[in-house]
Amino acid sequence: MTAATVTRPSPYRWLVFAVLACAYLLVYFHRTCPAVVAADLMHDLGAGATSLGLLGAAYFYPYALMQLPAGLLSDTWGPRKTITLFFSLAGVGAIWLGLAGSIGPAIAARSLVGLGVAMVFVPTIKVLTHWFTRGEFARMMGILMALGGVGAYTAAQPLAWLSIVLGWRGSFIIIGVATLVLAGIIWVVVRNRPEDKGLPALPDPLAAPQGGPAMPLSQGIKLVLGNPRFWAVAGWFFITPGIFFALGGLWGGPYLMQVYGLSKTQAGGVLNMLAVGMIVGGPLISWVSDKVLVSRKRTMIITGAGLFVLLGVLYLVPASLSRPMLYLWFFLFSICSSAIVVIGFTTTKELFPVAIAGTSTGLMNLFPFLGGAVLQPVSGWLLQIQGGPQGPYSPAMYQSIFLFYLALALVALICACLAKDTLPGRKAARSAA
């Protein structure tokens, strides 16, 4: 038995993970919070459906564009500095949004939020590759996604309650201050590697050297973009989370209130199931992929088929689901369109050498947010051309965007079928070790 074998990971890594998980929780809050206050935003800012779609998408454009820089800064400048600086910008943006008096400044503020939180997920993955072992990584990703679900939960019914008490402006100002405070805690607590804290390195970290010189950036980008399997997963990533962001992150709230006549808090209660699906689905899907199906690809295909069926139901009966069925629908929708991304990211990391972990993950993380950036305003435009700038919109009008999502879900399912299954190779390698 070697010395490396008996080295025990420091419990401090759980504090590092907890702080970064809290940051990711706020990332998801910022990402999905417009849905429950969408009607208030339209009224107070004088925004039509297309403008509201642009406001929601303003988060996603800078988020998507910053994914490659996020990987580069994670690999060079370091995750701790990157997260602290940019997360502070997100806090400033949230406060600015709460103070905005018209749609233009609100879009600018929302863009600053997107820019700031763009530098959390990829650097966090980089930190986890040093603090957790290979065998733990998929599980930690599942837990991280589940905690992101807690953020989505706070952006639904709790935000609805808070906005009733303080208004949506006061709510965003408070969350902006909380974001700034957490940025300071990250700087104090988080370290990029155990060695930076004076602790021993892990015996089998995911970031362990694989031999050979470091790969130049240009070579890493060419390796990632030149792999056809990357593009299959990228297409799936553009569509699947993109639909989640469009419906769950913006238009689900107006849909529930206008079609089913729910109040803001009632709609928030239904939208809470998006968070429950993420909390339950992240760890569950990781376990199913690793232990039951023993396949990344089959997991993506099964959930892709589930998403297609769910959207088909919403298209066929857009106004006829009972309240319990709405709760169940949004729960299953979250599992199939959001919780499943843990498998997409794990697949991405397993497709490429660890030396370009930040670059490959950053490039892949571009696509879900491009999907959200495109689908949110396009959905608003489809509604506006049928029912005017501010609606209200009928079930038939929402039906048109459900048909649009249904067609996209079919394309995503095809992409999942074309993806490479990366799990068997890793299992074989572990068995041979």
Protein backbone atom coordinates (compact mmCIF):
# COMPACT_ATOMS: atom_id res chain seq x y z
CA MET A 1 0.00 0.00 0.00
CA THR A 2 1.50 3.34 -1.03
CA ALA A 3 1.53 6.56 0.96
CA ALA A 4 -0.80 8.14 -1.57
CA THR A 5 -3.31 5.39 -0.90
CA VAL A 6 -3.65 6.25 2.78
CA THR A 7 -3.86 10.04 2.30
CA ARG A 8 -7.28 11.13 3.48
CA PRO A 9 -9.00 14.15 1.88
CA SER A 10 -9.29 17.14 4.20
CA PRO A 11 -12.79 17.96 5.51
CA TYR A 12 -12.05 21.56 4.48
CA ARG A 13 -13.04 20.63 0.94
CA TRP A 14 -16.66 20.45 2.09
CA LEU A 15 -16.49 24.06 3.24
CA VAL A 16 -15.06 25.04 -0.14
CA PHE A 17 -17.83 23.11 -1.87
CA ALA A 18 -20.54 24.59 0.38
CA VAL A 19 -19.49 28.18 -0.34
CA LEU A 20 -19.27 27.61 -4.09
CA ALA A 21 -22.60 25.75 -4.01
CA CYS A 22 -24.20 28.80 -2.38
CA ALA A 23 -22.83 30.90 -5.23
CA TYR A 24 -24.31 28.48 -7.76
CA LEU A 25 -27.60 28.64 -5.89
CA LEU A 26 -27.67 32.40 -6.50
CA VAL A 27 -26.67 31.85 -10.13
CA TYR A 28 -29.84 29.83 -10.62
CA PHE A 29 -31.91 32.36 -8.73
CA HIS A 30 -30.74 35.11 -11.07
CA ARG A 31 -31.30 32.82 -14.06
CA THR A 32 -34.94 31.91 -13.41
CA CYS A 33 -36.26 34.80 -11.29
CA PRO A 34 -38.05 36.72 -14.10
CA ALA A 35 -40.77 34.07 -14.49
CA VAL A 36 -42.70 34.76 -11.30
CA VAL A 37 -42.44 38.58 -11.54
CA ALA A 38 -42.77 38.82 -15.34
CA ALA A 39 -46.18 40.51 -15.17
CA ASP A 40 -44.84 43.11 -12.72
CA LEU A 41 -41.84 43.79 -14.94
CA MET A 42 -44.05 44.28 -18.00
CA HIS A 43 -46.30 46.70 -16.12
CA ASP A 44 -43.69 48.76 -14.25
CA LEU A 45 -41.16 48.97 -17.08
CA GLY A 46 -43.72 49.42 -19.87
CA ALA A 47 -42.40 46.34 -21.67
CA GLY A 48 -44.16 44.27 -24.31
CA ALA A 49 -43.72 40.53 -24.75
CA THR A 50 -40.77 40.88 -27.13
CA SER A 51 -39.08 43.44 -24.86
CA LEU A 52 -39.63 41.19 -21.86
CA GLY A 53 -38.08 38.35 -23.83
CA LEU A 54 -35.06 40.56 -24.53
CA LEU A 55 -34.85 41.43 -20.82
CA GLY A 56 -34.81 37.76 -19.92
CA ALA A 57 -32.33 36.98 -22.69
CA ALA A 58 -30.03 39.85 -21.61
CA TYR A 59 -28.77 37.50 -18.90
CA PHE A 60 -27.91 34.80 -21.41
CA TYR A 61 -26.01 36.71 -24.11
CA PRO A 62 -23.08 37.79 -21.90
CA TYR A 63 -23.28 34.48 -20.03
CA ALA A 64 -22.86 32.56 -23.27
CA LEU A 65 -20.14 34.82 -24.68
CA MET A 66 -18.09 34.61 -21.48
CA GLN A 67 -17.91 30.82 -21.33
CA LEU A 68 -14.64 30.53 -23.26
CA PRO A 69 -13.05 33.39 -21.26
CA ALA A 70 -14.34 31.62 -18.13
CA GLY A 71 -12.41 28.53 -19.11
CA LEU A 72 -9.31 30.53 -20.00
CA LEU A 73 -9.34 32.50 -16.74
CA SER A 74 -9.95 29.31 -14.77
CA ASP A 75 -6.94 27.68 -16.39
CA THR A 76 -4.65 30.73 -16.11
CA TRP A 77 -5.75 33.45 -13.66
CA GLY A 78 -7.34 30.98 -11.24
CA PRO A 79 -10.92 30.19 -10.18
CA ARG A 80 -10.87 32.05 -6.83
CA LYS A 81 -9.98 35.44 -8.28
CA THR A 82 -12.29 34.93 -11.25
CA ILE A 83 -15.36 34.05 -9.20
CA THR A 84 -14.84 36.77 -6.59
CA LEU A 85 -14.45 39.63 -9.05
CA PHE A 86 -17.23 38.72 -11.43
CA PHE A 87 -19.69 37.63 -8.75
CA SER A 88 -19.31 41.10 -7.26
CA LEU A 89 -20.34 42.55 -10.63
CA ALA A 90 -23.45 40.36 -10.53
CA GLY A 91 -24.38 41.85 -7.16
CA VAL A 92 -24.03 45.37 -8.54
CA GLY A 93 -26.16 44.40 -11.55
CA ALA A 94 -28.96 43.01 -9.36
CA ILE A 95 -29.09 46.23 -7.32
CA TRP A 96 -29.12 48.27 -10.54
CA LEU A 97 -32.01 46.17 -11.87
CA GLY A 98 -34.00 46.92 -8.74
CA LEU A 99 -33.44 50.64 -9.31
CA ALA A 100 -34.09 50.67 -13.09
CA GLY A 101 -36.87 52.99 -14.22
CA SER A 102 -37.34 51.76 -17.79
CA ILE A 103 -36.69 48.76 -19.99
CA GLY A 104 -33.35 50.02 -21.38
CA PRO A 105 -31.50 50.33 -18.04
CA ALA A 106 -33.16 47.11 -16.87
CA ILE A 107 -31.75 45.23 -19.86
CA ALA A 108 -28.30 46.74 -19.19
CA ALA A 109 -28.51 45.72 -15.52
CA ARG A 110 -29.64 42.22 -16.40
CA SER A 111 -26.71 41.98 -18.82
CA LEU A 112 -24.31 42.88 -16.00
CA VAL A 113 -25.84 40.16 -13.84
CA GLY A 114 -25.34 37.65 -16.66
CA LEU A 115 -21.75 38.78 -17.13
CA GLY A 116 -21.01 38.36 -13.44
CA VAL A 117 -22.56 34.97 -12.82
CA ALA A 118 -21.05 33.63 -16.06
CA MET A 119 -17.81 33.23 -14.15
CA VAL A 120 -19.10 30.86 -11.47
CA PHE A 121 -19.89 27.45 -12.96
CA VAL A 122 -16.78 26.72 -15.03
CA PRO A 123 -14.34 27.98 -12.36
CA THR A 124 -16.25 25.93 -9.77
CA ILE A 125 -15.76 22.82 -11.87
CA LYS A 126 -12.07 23.65 -12.05
CA VAL A 127 -11.91 23.89 -8.23
CA LEU A 128 -13.75 20.58 -7.84
CA THR A 129 -11.24 18.80 -10.09
CA HIS A 130 -8.57 19.54 -7.44
CA TRP A 131 -10.60 18.95 -4.27
CA PHE A 132 -12.51 15.78 -5.30
CA THR A 133 -11.46 12.49 -6.82
CA ARG A 134 -12.35 10.98 -10.17
CA GLY A 135 -14.84 8.61 -8.63
CA GLU A 136 -16.57 11.46 -6.79
CA PHE A 137 -16.90 13.94 -9.65
CA ALA A 138 -20.21 12.86 -11.22
CA ARG A 139 -21.78 12.65 -7.76
CA MET A 140 -20.53 16.12 -6.82
CA MET A 141 -21.89 17.49 -10.09
CA GLY A 142 -25.25 15.96 -9.25
CA ILE A 143 -25.24 17.56 -5.80
CA LEU A 144 -24.23 20.91 -7.32
CA MET A 145 -27.11 20.74 -9.78
CA ALA A 146 -29.47 19.85 -6.94
CA LEU A 147 -28.36 22.94 -5.03
CA GLY A 148 -28.90 24.95 -8.19
CA GLY A 149 -32.43 23.64 -7.89
CA VAL A 150 -32.67 25.26 -4.47
CA GLY A 151 -31.82 28.52 -6.21
CA ALA A 152 -34.58 27.91 -8.72
CA TYR A 153 -36.94 27.21 -5.82
CA THR A 154 -36.16 30.55 -4.16
CA ALA A 155 -36.83 32.24 -7.51
CA ALA A 156 -40.39 30.85 -7.58
CA GLN A 157 -42.84 30.96 -4.68
CA PRO A 158 -40.43 32.51 -2.11
CA LEU A 159 -39.68 35.34 -4.54
CA ALA A 160 -43.40 35.73 -5.18
CA TRP A 161 -43.99 36.14 -1.44
CA LEU A 162 -41.06 38.52 -1.05
CA SER A 163 -42.18 40.63 -4.00
CA ILE A 164 -45.64 40.99 -2.44
CA VAL A 165 -44.04 42.34 0.75
CA LEU A 166 -41.18 44.41 -0.67
CA GLY A 167 -42.04 44.68 -4.36
CA TRP A 168 -39.90 43.21 -7.08
CA ARG A 169 -37.48 46.17 -6.82
CA GLY A 170 -36.77 45.70 -3.13
CA SER A 171 -36.39 41.96 -3.69
CA PHE A 172 -33.68 42.43 -6.31
CA ILE A 173 -31.84 45.00 -4.21
CA ILE A 174 -31.71 42.56 -1.28
CA ILE A 175 -30.49 39.69 -3.43
CA GLY A 176 -27.86 41.99 -4.93
CA VAL A 177 -26.52 42.82 -1.47
CA ALA A 178 -26.49 39.10 -0.59
CA THR A 179 -24.51 38.41 -3.78
CA LEU A 180 -21.88 40.98 -2.80
CA VAL A 181 -21.56 39.51 0.70
CA LEU A 182 -21.12 36.00 -0.69
CA ALA A 183 -18.41 37.23 -3.09
CA GLY A 184 -16.43 38.38 -0.05
CA ILE A 185 -16.90 35.01 1.67
CA ILE A 186 -15.64 33.22 -1.46
CA TRP A 187 -12.45 35.27 -1.39
CA VAL A 188 -11.85 34.41 2.28
CA VAL A 189 -12.73 30.70 2.19
CA VAL A 190 -12.09 29.24 -1.26
CA ARG A 191 -8.67 28.09 -2.46
CA ASN A 192 -7.95 26.75 -5.93
CA ARG A 193 -6.17 23.64 -4.65
CA PRO A 194 -5.64 21.91 -1.30
CA GLU A 195 -1.96 22.83 -1.54
CA ASP A 196 -2.89 26.53 -1.49
CA LYS A 197 -4.33 25.94 1.99
CA GLY A 198 -1.27 24.00 3.14
CA LEU A 199 -3.10 20.69 2.76
CA PRO A 200 -1.86 17.56 0.94
CA ALA A 201 -3.03 16.94 -2.60
CA LEU A 202 -5.64 14.24 -3.12
CA PRO A 203 -4.40 10.75 -4.06
CA ASP A 204 -6.59 10.58 -7.17
CA PRO A 205 -7.89 14.05 -8.11
CA LEU A 206 -9.64 14.50 -11.42
CA ALA A 207 -7.02 17.16 -12.18
CA ALA A 208 -4.13 14.75 -11.62
CA PRO A 209 -1.43 15.07 -14.32
CA GLN A 210 -1.94 12.66 -17.18
CA GLY A 211 1.60 12.86 -18.49
CA GLY A 212 3.08 14.92 -21.28
CA PRO A 213 3.38 18.70 -21.65
CA ALA A 214 0.50 21.09 -21.15
CA MET A 215 -1.62 21.53 -24.25
CA PRO A 216 -1.47 24.98 -25.92
CA LEU A 217 -4.75 26.88 -25.95
CA SER A 218 -5.07 26.94 -29.72
CA GLN A 219 -4.48 23.21 -29.90
CA GLY A 220 -7.04 22.59 -27.18
CA ILE A 221 -9.69 24.65 -28.97
CA LYS A 222 -8.99 22.85 -32.25
CA LEU A 223 -9.22 19.49 -30.50
CA VAL A 224 -12.60 20.36 -28.97
CA LEU A 225 -14.19 22.02 -32.00
CA GLY A 226 -12.81 19.43 -34.40
CA ASN A 227 -14.51 16.54 -32.62
CA PRO A 228 -17.88 15.68 -34.26
CA ARG A 229 -19.06 14.17 -30.97
CA PHE A 230 -18.66 17.58 -29.36
CA TRP A 231 -21.14 19.05 -31.83
CA ALA A 232 -23.72 16.34 -31.15
CA VAL A 233 -23.67 17.18 -27.44
CA ALA A 234 -23.55 20.92 -28.23
CA GLY A 235 -26.72 20.68 -30.32
CA TRP A 236 -28.43 18.80 -27.51
CA PHE A 237 -27.21 21.44 -25.02
CA PHE A 238 -28.48 24.33 -27.15
CA ILE A 239 -32.00 22.95 -27.27
CA THR A 240 -32.68 21.04 -24.06
CA PRO A 241 -31.68 23.62 -21.42
CA GLY A 242 -32.73 26.35 -23.86
CA ILE A 243 -36.32 25.14 -23.67
CA PHE A 244 -36.05 24.99 -19.88
CA PHE A 245 -34.80 28.58 -19.71
CA ALA A 246 -37.49 29.81 -22.10
CA LEU A 247 -40.46 28.16 -20.41
CA GLY A 248 -39.28 27.58 -16.86
CA GLY A 249 -37.20 30.74 -16.61
CA LEU A 250 -39.60 33.26 -18.16
CA TRP A 251 -42.82 32.29 -19.92
CA GLY A 252 -44.04 29.59 -17.51
CA GLY A 253 -45.26 32.22 -15.04
CA PRO A 254 -47.34 34.25 -17.52
CA TYR A 255 -48.65 30.99 -19.03
CA LEU A 256 -49.92 29.71 -15.68
CA MET A 257 -51.45 33.05 -14.72
CA GLN A 258 -53.06 33.87 -18.07
CA VAL A 259 -54.22 30.41 -19.19
CA TYR A 260 -55.05 28.82 -15.84
CA GLY A 261 -55.92 32.02 -13.93
CA LEU A 262 -53.45 31.33 -11.12
CA SER A 263 -52.30 34.09 -8.79
CA LYS A 264 -48.63 35.02 -8.57
CA THR A 265 -48.08 32.85 -5.49
CA GLN A 266 -50.08 29.97 -6.95
CA ALA A 267 -48.03 30.10 -10.14
CA GLY A 268 -44.91 30.27 -7.99
CA GLY A 269 -46.04 27.10 -6.22
CA VAL A 270 -46.30 25.25 -9.53
CA LEU A 271 -42.96 26.64 -10.70
CA ASN A 272 -41.42 25.36 -7.46
CA MET A 273 -41.60 21.93 -9.05
CA LEU A 274 -38.86 23.01 -11.43
CA ALA A 275 -36.61 23.31 -8.40
CA VAL A 276 -37.82 20.04 -6.90
CA GLY A 277 -37.05 18.31 -10.20
CA MET A 278 -33.52 19.69 -10.15
CA ILE A 279 -32.95 18.82 -6.49
CA VAL A 280 -34.20 15.27 -6.88
CA GLY A 281 -33.18 14.76 -10.48
CA GLY A 282 -29.51 15.78 -10.37
CA PRO A 283 -28.32 13.08 -7.95
CA LEU A 284 -30.91 10.58 -9.23
CA ILE A 285 -29.88 10.91 -12.87
CA SER A 286 -26.19 10.63 -11.92
CA TRP A 287 -26.95 7.42 -10.03
CA VAL A 288 -29.06 6.00 -12.85
CA SER A 289 -26.35 6.80 -15.39
CA ASP A 290 -23.56 5.28 -13.28
CA LYS A 291 -25.29 2.30 -11.66
CA VAL A 292 -28.48 1.38 -13.52
CA LEU A 293 -28.12 2.18 -17.21
CA VAL A 294 -24.31 2.30 -17.01
CA SER A 295 -24.50 4.70 -19.93
CA ARG A 296 -24.40 8.45 -20.45
CA LYS A 297 -25.93 8.19 -23.92
CA ARG A 298 -28.92 6.05 -22.99
CA THR A 299 -29.69 8.39 -20.10
CA MET A 300 -29.73 11.36 -22.48
CA ILE A 301 -31.90 9.49 -24.99
CA ILE A 302 -34.50 8.40 -22.41
CA THR A 303 -34.85 11.88 -20.93
CA GLY A 304 -34.89 13.37 -24.44
CA ALA A 305 -37.82 11.14 -25.34
CA GLY A 306 -39.50 12.13 -22.09
CA LEU A 307 -39.12 15.83 -22.91
CA PHE A 308 -40.66 15.27 -26.34
CA VAL A 309 -43.67 13.49 -24.81
CA LEU A 310 -44.15 16.18 -22.14
CA LEU A 311 -44.14 18.99 -24.69
CA GLY A 312 -46.52 16.99 -26.83
CA VAL A 313 -48.95 16.82 -23.92
CA LEU A 314 -48.75 20.58 -23.38
CA TYR A 315 -49.31 21.22 -27.09
CA LEU A 316 -52.35 18.92 -27.27
CA VAL A 317 -54.04 20.11 -24.04
CA PRO A 318 -52.59 23.56 -23.23
CA ALA A 319 -55.45 24.56 -20.91
CA SER A 320 -56.90 21.29 -19.64
CA LEU A 321 -54.46 19.95 -17.06
CA SER A 322 -55.60 19.72 -13.45
CA ARG A 323 -53.59 21.46 -10.75
CA PRO A 324 -51.94 18.19 -9.60
CA MET A 325 -51.08 17.39 -13.22
CA LEU A 326 -49.46 20.81 -13.62
CA TYR A 327 -47.32 20.11 -10.58
CA LEU A 328 -46.33 16.72 -12.01
CA TRP A 329 -45.72 18.13 -15.49
CA PHE A 330 -43.30 20.83 -14.31
CA PHE A 331 -41.51 18.32 -12.07
CA LEU A 332 -40.90 15.88 -14.92
CA PHE A 333 -40.08 18.73 -17.30
CA SER A 334 -37.35 19.88 -14.94
CA ILE A 335 -35.78 16.43 -14.75
CA CYS A 336 -35.79 15.99 -18.53
CA SER A 337 -34.62 19.49 -19.47
CA SER A 338 -32.52 20.75 -16.54
CA ALA A 339 -31.37 18.03 -14.15
CA ILE A 340 -30.12 15.98 -17.10
CA VAL A 341 -27.41 18.55 -17.90
CA VAL A 342 -25.20 16.94 -15.25
CA ILE A 343 -24.80 14.05 -17.69
CA GLY A 344 -24.06 16.43 -20.57
CA PHE A 345 -21.25 18.12 -18.63
CA THR A 346 -19.86 14.81 -17.40
CA THR A 347 -19.85 13.53 -20.99
CA THR A 348 -18.01 16.65 -22.13
CA LYS A 349 -15.28 16.22 -19.52
CA GLU A 350 -14.90 12.56 -20.45
CA LEU A 351 -14.53 13.34 -24.16
CA PHE A 352 -11.33 15.36 -23.72
CA PRO A 353 -8.06 15.39 -21.75
CA VAL A 354 -8.20 16.87 -18.27
CA ALA A 355 -5.49 19.36 -19.30
CA ILE A 356 -8.17 21.29 -21.23
CA ALA A 357 -10.97 20.80 -18.68
CA GLY A 358 -11.66 24.53 -18.43
CA THR A 359 -11.54 25.08 -22.17
CA SER A 360 -13.74 22.12 -23.14
CA THR A 361 -16.32 22.81 -20.43
CA GLY A 362 -16.30 26.53 -21.20
CA LEU A 363 -16.92 25.92 -24.90
CA MET A 364 -19.72 23.48 -24.17
CA ASN A 365 -21.29 25.77 -21.57
CA LEU A 366 -21.70 28.37 -24.32
CA PHE A 367 -24.53 26.44 -25.96
CA PRO A 368 -27.26 26.15 -23.28
CA PHE A 369 -27.14 29.88 -22.73
CA LEU A 370 -27.19 30.64 -26.42
CA GLY A 371 -30.30 28.49 -26.42
CA GLY A 372 -31.87 30.55 -23.65
CA ALA A 373 -30.79 33.79 -25.33
CA VAL A 374 -32.51 32.78 -28.56
CA LEU A 375 -35.60 30.97 -27.30
CA GLN A 376 -36.78 33.52 -24.71
CA PRO A 377 -37.21 36.45 -27.14
CA VAL A 378 -38.37 34.21 -30.00
CA SER A 379 -41.10 32.86 -27.71
CA GLY A 380 -42.10 36.42 -26.82
CA TRP A 381 -42.16 37.38 -30.49
CA LEU A 382 -44.40 34.40 -31.33
CA LEU A 383 -46.84 35.52 -28.64
CA GLN A 384 -46.71 39.20 -29.58
CA ILE A 385 -47.44 38.69 -33.28
CA GLN A 386 -50.63 36.89 -32.27
CA GLY A 387 -51.90 38.87 -29.27
CA GLY A 388 -50.17 42.26 -29.19
CA PRO A 389 -47.35 43.60 -27.00
CA GLN A 390 -48.74 42.85 -23.53
CA GLY A 391 -51.48 40.28 -24.11
CA PRO A 392 -53.12 38.63 -22.31
CA TYR A 393 -52.41 35.60 -24.44
CA SER A 394 -54.82 32.76 -25.10
CA PRO A 395 -54.15 29.01 -24.87
CA ALA A 396 -53.99 28.84 -28.66
CA MET A 397 -51.25 31.49 -28.68
CA TYR A 398 -49.18 29.58 -26.14
CA GLN A 399 -49.86 26.45 -28.16
CA SER A 400 -47.80 27.93 -31.01
CA ILE A 401 -44.68 28.16 -28.86
CA PHE A 402 -45.27 24.66 -27.50
CA LEU A 403 -45.31 23.35 -31.07
CA PHE A 404 -42.04 25.21 -31.68
CA TYR A 405 -40.49 23.60 -28.58
CA LEU A 406 -41.82 20.20 -29.64
CA ALA A 407 -40.01 20.39 -32.99
CA LEU A 408 -36.80 21.45 -31.24
CA ALA A 409 -37.09 18.59 -28.74
CA LEU A 410 -37.15 16.13 -31.64
CA VAL A 411 -33.90 17.60 -32.96
CA ALA A 412 -32.36 17.33 -29.48
CA LEU A 413 -33.36 13.68 -29.31
CA ILE A 414 -31.58 13.05 -32.60
CA CYS A 415 -28.47 14.79 -31.25
CA ALA A 416 -28.53 12.53 -28.18
CA CYS A 417 -28.63 9.50 -30.44
CA LEU A 418 -25.52 10.78 -32.25
CA ALA A 419 -23.55 11.44 -29.05
CA LYS A 420 -20.71 9.19 -27.92
CA ASP A 421 -21.21 7.09 -24.81
CA THR A 422 -18.19 7.92 -22.64
CA LEU A 423 -18.99 5.85 -19.56
CA PRO A 424 -17.98 2.30 -20.64
CA GLY A 425 -14.39 3.38 -21.36
CA ARG A 426 -14.04 4.95 -17.92
CA LYS A 427 -15.52 1.90 -16.20
CA ALA A 428 -13.14 -0.35 -18.07
CA ALA A 429 -10.23 1.85 -17.09
CA ARG A 430 -11.21 1.77 -13.42
CA SER A 431 -11.62 -2.01 -13.53
CA ALA A 432 -8.19 -2.43 -15.00
CA ALA A 433 -6.57 -0.14 -12.41
